[in-house]
């Protein structure tokens, strides 16, 4: 994957590929969006800067890699838009979708826990879920199905998207700086992402009362 993504660096298409992957993985959690963001950041961090001549013949510096800041903002924005799409789908999905969600113990539990957290002004569960495998899907659908107001859910989705994107881009960048743009560096960075996901999944399995108490301690979002 490193070679494939590396071939896209320096082209605006890298942003489109990252955005599409992150946007869609709320509905298809098997998409490796986190791995893609890390790989793109690794390739960006390892890119070189060359010299080219402009129209007047003067030498100018040319960077052949995407901007890490743009990559972060692209991934975070796509994350929020995907959350909002899943939230809207569940909120206005009709009786058939409501019955499907009601049959899922995981989604029903998420509705109850998320409702308790958001009603106390804390959405830390939304941030934690963004790192857990399929947690983003469960929380976004749960928020919509439980008819939570968008102003309660969306700010925490933005925080979650920025935190996840920053962590993923940071892993790719520092992995390349410390271990080089190799399969070893990428593998260590991806492993760190999965460790964070496993820890987040463990936190999400805590009893609902404990999760609500933790959320209540978070200051109310403005």
C-alpha atoms as a PDB file:
ATOM      1  CA  UNK A   1       0.000   0.000   0.000  1.00  0.00           C
ATOM      2  CA  UNK A   2       2.878   2.362   0.732  1.00  0.00           C
ATOM      3  CA  UNK A   3       4.000   2.287  -2.904  1.00  0.00           C
ATOM      4  CA  UNK A   4       0.448   2.771  -4.219  1.00  0.00           C
ATOM      5  CA  UNK A   5      -0.285   5.720  -1.952  1.00  0.00           C
ATOM      6  CA  UNK A   6       3.191   7.095  -2.542  1.00  0.00           C
ATOM      7  CA  UNK A   7       2.396   7.265  -6.254  1.00  0.00           C
ATOM      8  CA  UNK A   8      -0.532   9.571  -5.444  1.00  0.00           C
ATOM      9  CA  UNK A   9       1.405  11.970  -3.267  1.00  0.00           C
ATOM     10  CA  UNK A  10       1.947  15.321  -4.853  1.00  0.00           C
ATOM     11  CA  UNK A  11      -1.415  14.994  -6.601  1.00  0.00           C
ATOM     12  CA  UNK A  12      -4.741  16.374  -5.328  1.00  0.00           C
ATOM     13  CA  UNK A  13      -6.154  12.872  -5.798  1.00  0.00           C
ATOM     14  CA  UNK A  14      -4.583  11.770  -2.531  1.00  0.00           C
ATOM     15  CA  UNK A  15      -6.996  14.033  -0.661  1.00  0.00           C
ATOM     16  CA  UNK A  16      -9.971  12.670  -2.602  1.00  0.00           C
ATOM     17  CA  UNK A  17      -8.992   9.048  -1.910  1.00  0.00           C
ATOM     18  CA  UNK A  18      -8.468   9.718   1.804  1.00  0.00           C
ATOM     19  CA  UNK A  19     -11.698  11.708   2.113  1.00  0.00           C
ATOM     20  CA  UNK A  20     -13.773   9.042   0.351  1.00  0.00           C
ATOM     21  CA  UNK A  21     -12.343   6.239   2.462  1.00  0.00           C
ATOM     22  CA  UNK A  22     -12.914   8.079   5.743  1.00  0.00           C
ATOM     23  CA  UNK A  23     -16.377   9.228   4.684  1.00  0.00           C
ATOM     24  CA  UNK A  24     -17.578   5.755   3.760  1.00  0.00           C
ATOM     25  CA  UNK A  25     -16.102   3.712   6.601  1.00  0.00           C
ATOM     26  CA  UNK A  26     -18.907   4.809   8.916  1.00  0.00           C
ATOM     27  CA  UNK A  27     -21.106   2.554   6.745  1.00  0.00           C
ATOM     28  CA  UNK A  28     -18.387   0.042   5.811  1.00  0.00           C
ATOM     29  CA  UNK A  29     -16.187  -0.297   8.920  1.00  0.00           C
ATOM     30  CA  UNK A  30     -13.966  -2.808   7.125  1.00  0.00           C
ATOM     31  CA  UNK A  31     -12.519  -0.029   4.956  1.00  0.00           C
ATOM     32  CA  UNK A  32      -8.919   0.581   6.121  1.00  0.00           C
ATOM     33  CA  UNK A  33      -9.293   4.359   6.347  1.00  0.00           C
ATOM     34  CA  UNK A  34      -6.966   4.670   9.336  1.00  0.00           C
ATOM     35  CA  UNK A  35      -4.290   2.624   7.604  1.00  0.00           C
ATOM     36  CA  UNK A  36      -4.690   4.779   4.501  1.00  0.00           C
ATOM     37  CA  UNK A  37      -4.296   8.025   6.454  1.00  0.00           C
ATOM     38  CA  UNK A  38      -1.189   6.677   8.197  1.00  0.00           C
ATOM     39  CA  UNK A  39       0.302   5.467   4.923  1.00  0.00           C
ATOM     40  CA  UNK A  40      -0.375   8.804   3.217  1.00  0.00           C
ATOM     41  CA  UNK A  41       1.195  10.689   6.131  1.00  0.00           C
ATOM     42  CA  UNK A  42       4.194   8.362   6.066  1.00  0.00           C
ATOM     43  CA  UNK A  43       4.684   8.913   2.350  1.00  0.00           C
ATOM     44  CA  UNK A  44       4.275  12.670   2.846  1.00  0.00           C
ATOM     45  CA  UNK A  45       6.798  12.777   5.682  1.00  0.00           C
ATOM     46  CA  UNK A  46       9.307  10.869   3.573  1.00  0.00           C
ATOM     47  CA  UNK A  47       8.830  12.981   0.449  1.00  0.00           C
ATOM     48  CA  UNK A  48      11.615  15.041  -1.027  1.00  0.00           C
ATOM     49  CA  UNK A  49      11.867  18.650  -2.071  1.00  0.00           C
ATOM     50  CA  UNK A  50      13.369  19.361  -5.470  1.00  0.00           C
ATOM     51  CA  UNK A  51      14.263  22.340  -7.638  1.00  0.00           C
ATOM     52  CA  UNK A  52      12.519  23.255 -10.880  1.00  0.00           C
ATOM     53  CA  UNK A  53      12.658  26.183 -13.255  1.00  0.00           C
ATOM     54  CA  UNK A  54       9.684  28.487 -13.662  1.00  0.00           C
ATOM     55  CA  UNK A  55       8.518  30.140 -16.891  1.00  0.00           C
ATOM     56  CA  UNK A  56      11.173  32.843 -16.554  1.00  0.00           C
ATOM     57  CA  UNK A  57      13.917  30.292 -16.117  1.00  0.00           C
ATOM     58  CA  UNK A  58      14.452  31.048 -12.425  1.00  0.00           C
ATOM     59  CA  UNK A  59      14.969  28.173 -10.040  1.00  0.00           C
ATOM     60  CA  UNK A  60      12.204  27.542  -7.537  1.00  0.00           C
ATOM     61  CA  UNK A  61      11.648  24.953  -4.832  1.00  0.00           C
ATOM     62  CA  UNK A  62       9.038  22.292  -5.541  1.00  0.00           C
ATOM     63  CA  UNK A  63       7.607  20.068  -2.839  1.00  0.00           C
ATOM     64  CA  UNK A  64       6.496  16.706  -4.145  1.00  0.00           C
ATOM     65  CA  UNK A  65       4.369  15.734  -1.194  1.00  0.00           C
ATOM     66  CA  UNK A  66       0.897  16.693   0.089  1.00  0.00           C
ATOM     67  CA  UNK A  67       0.549  19.028   3.025  1.00  0.00           C
ATOM     68  CA  UNK A  68       0.263  17.171   6.328  1.00  0.00           C
ATOM     69  CA  UNK A  69      -2.043  19.914   7.641  1.00  0.00           C
ATOM     70  CA  UNK A  70      -4.288  19.577   4.587  1.00  0.00           C
ATOM     71  CA  UNK A  71      -4.286  15.802   5.020  1.00  0.00           C
ATOM     72  CA  UNK A  72      -5.318  16.176   8.669  1.00  0.00           C
ATOM     73  CA  UNK A  73      -8.121  18.628   7.855  1.00  0.00           C
ATOM     74  CA  UNK A  74      -9.289  16.463   4.962  1.00  0.00           C
ATOM     75  CA  UNK A  75      -9.531  13.346   7.147  1.00  0.00           C
ATOM     76  CA  UNK A  76     -11.196  15.217  10.033  1.00  0.00           C
ATOM     77  CA  UNK A  77     -13.763  16.894   7.779  1.00  0.00           C
ATOM     78  CA  UNK A  78     -14.625  13.622   6.044  1.00  0.00           C
ATOM     79  CA  UNK A  79     -14.989  11.977   9.444  1.00  0.00           C
ATOM     80  CA  UNK A  80     -17.512  14.578  10.618  1.00  0.00           C
ATOM     81  CA  UNK A  81     -19.456  14.456   7.349  1.00  0.00           C
ATOM     82  CA  UNK A  82     -19.652  10.663   7.543  1.00  0.00           C
ATOM     83  CA  UNK A  83     -20.859  10.829  11.148  1.00  0.00           C
ATOM     84  CA  UNK A  84     -23.503  13.365  10.179  1.00  0.00           C
ATOM     85  CA  UNK A  85     -24.668  11.233   7.248  1.00  0.00           C
ATOM     86  CA  UNK A  86     -25.096   8.172   9.504  1.00  0.00           C
ATOM     87  CA  UNK A  87     -26.808  10.317  12.154  1.00  0.00           C
ATOM     88  CA  UNK A  88     -29.269  11.737   9.602  1.00  0.00           C
ATOM     89  CA  UNK A  89     -29.937   8.299   8.146  1.00  0.00           C
ATOM     90  CA  UNK A  90     -30.798   6.844  11.547  1.00  0.00           C
ATOM     91  CA  UNK A  91     -32.813   9.892  12.620  1.00  0.00           C
ATOM     92  CA  UNK A  92     -34.990   9.921   9.488  1.00  0.00           C
ATOM     93  CA  UNK A  93     -34.699   6.309   8.439  1.00  0.00           C
ATOM     94  CA  UNK A  94     -38.269   5.340   9.194  1.00  0.00           C
ATOM     95  CA  UNK A  95     -39.796   2.383  11.005  1.00  0.00           C
ATOM     96  CA  UNK A  96     -37.854  -0.315   9.139  1.00  0.00           C
ATOM     97  CA  UNK A  97     -34.504   1.124  10.211  1.00  0.00           C
ATOM     98  CA  UNK A  98     -35.816   1.664  13.748  1.00  0.00           C
ATOM     99  CA  UNK A  99     -36.782  -2.014  13.969  1.00  0.00           C
ATOM    100  CA  UNK A 100     -33.385  -3.084  12.625  1.00  0.00           C
ATOM    101  CA  UNK A 101     -31.601  -0.952  15.228  1.00  0.00           C
ATOM    102  CA  UNK A 102     -33.897  -2.254  17.977  1.00  0.00           C
ATOM    103  CA  UNK A 103     -32.843  -5.822  17.105  1.00  0.00           C
ATOM    104  CA  UNK A 104     -29.182  -4.930  17.644  1.00  0.00           C
ATOM    105  CA  UNK A 105     -28.160  -5.188  21.289  1.00  0.00           C
ATOM    106  CA  UNK A 106     -25.028  -3.172  20.569  1.00  0.00           C
ATOM    107  CA  UNK A 107     -26.922  -0.282  18.984  1.00  0.00           C
ATOM    108  CA  UNK A 108     -29.602  -0.314  21.682  1.00  0.00           C
ATOM    109  CA  UNK A 109     -26.939  -0.168  24.388  1.00  0.00           C
ATOM    110  CA  UNK A 110     -25.196   2.665  22.550  1.00  0.00           C
ATOM    111  CA  UNK A 111     -28.439   4.644  22.412  1.00  0.00           C
ATOM    112  CA  UNK A 112     -28.911   4.366  26.174  1.00  0.00           C
ATOM    113  CA  UNK A 113     -25.319   5.203  27.063  1.00  0.00           C
ATOM    114  CA  UNK A 114     -25.023   8.014  24.547  1.00  0.00           C
ATOM    115  CA  UNK A 115     -28.287   9.521  25.680  1.00  0.00           C
ATOM    116  CA  UNK A 116     -27.104   9.528  29.287  1.00  0.00           C
ATOM    117  CA  UNK A 117     -23.763  11.075  28.320  1.00  0.00           C
ATOM    118  CA  UNK A 118     -25.124  13.819  26.079  1.00  0.00           C
ATOM    119  CA  UNK A 119     -27.933  14.754  28.465  1.00  0.00           C
ATOM    120  CA  UNK A 120     -25.289  15.556  31.089  1.00  0.00           C
ATOM    121  CA  UNK A 121     -23.394  17.787  28.668  1.00  0.00           C
ATOM    122  CA  UNK A 122     -20.558  15.355  28.051  1.00  0.00           C
ATOM    123  CA  UNK A 123     -19.804  13.567  24.822  1.00  0.00           C
ATOM    124  CA  UNK A 124     -16.543  11.844  25.717  1.00  0.00           C
ATOM    125  CA  UNK A 125     -18.146   8.585  24.568  1.00  0.00           C
ATOM    126  CA  UNK A 126     -18.313   9.971  21.017  1.00  0.00           C
ATOM    127  CA  UNK A 127     -14.581  10.701  21.072  1.00  0.00           C
ATOM    128  CA  UNK A 128     -13.671   7.297  22.514  1.00  0.00           C
ATOM    129  CA  UNK A 129     -15.895   5.503  20.006  1.00  0.00           C
ATOM    130  CA  UNK A 130     -14.106   7.162  17.085  1.00  0.00           C
ATOM    131  CA  UNK A 131     -11.016   5.079  17.839  1.00  0.00           C
ATOM    132  CA  UNK A 132     -12.816   1.777  18.485  1.00  0.00           C
ATOM    133  CA  UNK A 133     -13.443  -0.644  15.609  1.00  0.00           C
ATOM    134  CA  UNK A 134     -16.956   0.110  14.276  1.00  0.00           C
ATOM    135  CA  UNK A 135     -17.512   2.341  17.312  1.00  0.00           C
ATOM    136  CA  UNK A 136     -18.029   5.374  15.105  1.00  0.00           C
ATOM    137  CA  UNK A 137     -20.853   3.610  13.265  1.00  0.00           C
ATOM    138  CA  UNK A 138     -22.539   2.458  16.453  1.00  0.00           C
ATOM    139  CA  UNK A 139     -22.454   5.876  18.121  1.00  0.00           C
ATOM    140  CA  UNK A 140     -23.472   7.881  15.038  1.00  0.00           C
ATOM    141  CA  UNK A 141     -26.406   5.588  14.291  1.00  0.00           C
ATOM    142  CA  UNK A 142     -27.293   5.447  17.975  1.00  0.00           C
ATOM    143  CA  UNK A 143     -27.382   9.229  18.259  1.00  0.00           C
ATOM    144  CA  UNK A 144     -29.710   9.513  15.287  1.00  0.00           C
ATOM    145  CA  UNK A 145     -31.980   6.646  16.299  1.00  0.00           C
ATOM    146  CA  UNK A 146     -32.399   8.055  19.805  1.00  0.00           C
ATOM    147  CA  UNK A 147     -33.384  11.428  18.280  1.00  0.00           C
ATOM    148  CA  UNK A 148     -30.576  13.353  19.945  1.00  0.00           C
ATOM    149  CA  UNK A 149     -30.359  16.967  18.798  1.00  0.00           C
ATOM    150  CA  UNK A 150     -27.667  17.669  16.222  1.00  0.00           C
ATOM    151  CA  UNK A 151     -26.229  20.438  18.416  1.00  0.00           C
ATOM    152  CA  UNK A 152     -25.612  17.830  21.116  1.00  0.00           C
ATOM    153  CA  UNK A 153     -23.876  15.379  18.805  1.00  0.00           C
ATOM    154  CA  UNK A 154     -22.095  17.383  16.108  1.00  0.00           C
ATOM    155  CA  UNK A 155     -19.580  19.330  18.271  1.00  0.00           C
ATOM    156  CA  UNK A 156     -18.369  16.100  19.846  1.00  0.00           C
ATOM    157  CA  UNK A 157     -18.172  14.474  16.427  1.00  0.00           C
ATOM    158  CA  UNK A 158     -15.897  17.339  15.339  1.00  0.00           C
ATOM    159  CA  UNK A 159     -13.675  16.851  18.392  1.00  0.00           C
ATOM    160  CA  UNK A 160     -13.569  13.106  17.725  1.00  0.00           C
ATOM    161  CA  UNK A 161     -12.717  13.607  14.044  1.00  0.00           C
ATOM    162  CA  UNK A 162      -9.891  16.024  14.810  1.00  0.00           C
ATOM    163  CA  UNK A 163      -8.499  13.788  17.564  1.00  0.00           C
ATOM    164  CA  UNK A 164      -8.567  10.678  15.373  1.00  0.00           C
ATOM    165  CA  UNK A 165      -7.161  12.428  12.301  1.00  0.00           C
ATOM    166  CA  UNK A 166      -4.435  14.122  14.341  1.00  0.00           C
ATOM    167  CA  UNK A 167      -3.459  10.845  15.969  1.00  0.00           C
ATOM    168  CA  UNK A 168      -3.383   8.971  12.642  1.00  0.00           C
ATOM    169  CA  UNK A 169      -1.419  11.654  10.778  1.00  0.00           C
ATOM    170  CA  UNK A 170       0.933  11.999  13.740  1.00  0.00           C
ATOM    171  CA  UNK A 171       1.594   8.260  13.761  1.00  0.00           C
ATOM    172  CA  UNK A 172       2.461   8.294  10.068  1.00  0.00           C
ATOM    173  CA  UNK A 173       4.672  11.357  10.361  1.00  0.00           C
ATOM    174  CA  UNK A 174       6.641  10.365  13.457  1.00  0.00           C
ATOM    175  CA  UNK A 175       6.856   6.757  12.326  1.00  0.00           C
ATOM    176  CA  UNK A 176       8.552   7.924   9.131  1.00  0.00           C
ATOM    177  CA  UNK A 177      10.847  10.271  11.055  1.00  0.00           C
ATOM    178  CA  UNK A 178      11.960   7.634  13.545  1.00  0.00           C
ATOM    179  CA  UNK A 179      11.872   4.431  11.489  1.00  0.00           C
ATOM    180  CA  UNK A 180      11.930   5.686   7.914  1.00  0.00           C
ATOM    181  CA  UNK A 181       9.336   5.348   5.170  1.00  0.00           C
ATOM    182  CA  UNK A 182       9.528   1.570   5.170  1.00  0.00           C
ATOM    183  CA  UNK A 183       7.139  -1.257   5.842  1.00  0.00           C
ATOM    184  CA  UNK A 184       8.547  -1.413   9.375  1.00  0.00           C
ATOM    185  CA  UNK A 185       7.711   2.220  10.081  1.00  0.00           C
ATOM    186  CA  UNK A 186       4.234   1.867   8.601  1.00  0.00           C
ATOM    187  CA  UNK A 187       3.597  -1.411  10.450  1.00  0.00           C
ATOM    188  CA  UNK A 188       4.597   0.073  13.820  1.00  0.00           C
ATOM    189  CA  UNK A 189       2.363   3.102  13.218  1.00  0.00           C
ATOM    190  CA  UNK A 190      -0.583   0.899  12.217  1.00  0.00           C
ATOM    191  CA  UNK A 191       0.013  -1.283  15.285  1.00  0.00           C
ATOM    192  CA  UNK A 192      -0.170   1.831  17.483  1.00  0.00           C
ATOM    193  CA  UNK A 193      -3.492   2.715  15.838  1.00  0.00           C
ATOM    194  CA  UNK A 194      -4.894  -0.742  16.569  1.00  0.00           C
ATOM    195  CA  UNK A 195      -3.659  -0.574  20.175  1.00  0.00           C
ATOM    196  CA  UNK A 196      -5.550   2.704  20.620  1.00  0.00           C
ATOM    197  CA  UNK A 197      -8.603   1.096  19.019  1.00  0.00           C
ATOM    198  CA  UNK A 198      -8.453  -1.904  21.342  1.00  0.00           C
ATOM    199  CA  UNK A 199      -8.149   0.358  24.376  1.00  0.00           C
ATOM    200  CA  UNK A 200     -11.097   2.455  23.174  1.00  0.00           C
ATOM    201  CA  UNK A 201     -13.180  -0.683  22.647  1.00  0.00           C
ATOM    202  CA  UNK A 202     -12.357  -1.775  26.186  1.00  0.00           C
ATOM    203  CA  UNK A 203     -13.512   1.577  27.561  1.00  0.00           C
ATOM    204  CA  UNK A 204     -16.750   1.335  25.604  1.00  0.00           C
ATOM    205  CA  UNK A 205     -17.543  -1.970  27.288  1.00  0.00           C
ATOM    206  CA  UNK A 206     -17.619  -0.393  30.723  1.00  0.00           C
ATOM    207  CA  UNK A 207     -20.983  -0.463  32.528  1.00  0.00           C
ATOM    208  CA  UNK A 208     -23.347   2.298  31.462  1.00  0.00           C
ATOM    209  CA  UNK A 209     -23.296   3.868  34.909  1.00  0.00           C
ATOM    210  CA  UNK A 210     -19.522   4.249  34.840  1.00  0.00           C
ATOM    211  CA  UNK A 211     -19.612   5.738  31.349  1.00  0.00           C
ATOM    212  CA  UNK A 212     -22.285   8.227  32.387  1.00  0.00           C
ATOM    213  CA  UNK A 213     -20.266   9.245  35.435  1.00  0.00           C
ATOM    214  CA  UNK A 214     -17.180   9.834  33.303  1.00  0.00           C
ATOM    215  CA  UNK A 215     -19.183  11.863  30.796  1.00  0.00           C
ATOM    216  CA  UNK A 216     -20.714  13.973  33.565  1.00  0.00           C
ATOM    217  CA  UNK A 217     -17.239  15.092  34.618  1.00  0.00           C
ATOM    218  CA  UNK A 218     -16.535  16.608  31.168  1.00  0.00           C
ATOM    219  CA  UNK A 219     -17.328  20.356  30.927  1.00  0.00           C
ATOM    220  CA  UNK A 220     -20.333  21.269  28.824  1.00  0.00           C
ATOM    221  CA  UNK A 221     -19.474  22.030  25.198  1.00  0.00           C
ATOM    222  CA  UNK A 222     -20.123  25.617  24.191  1.00  0.00           C
END
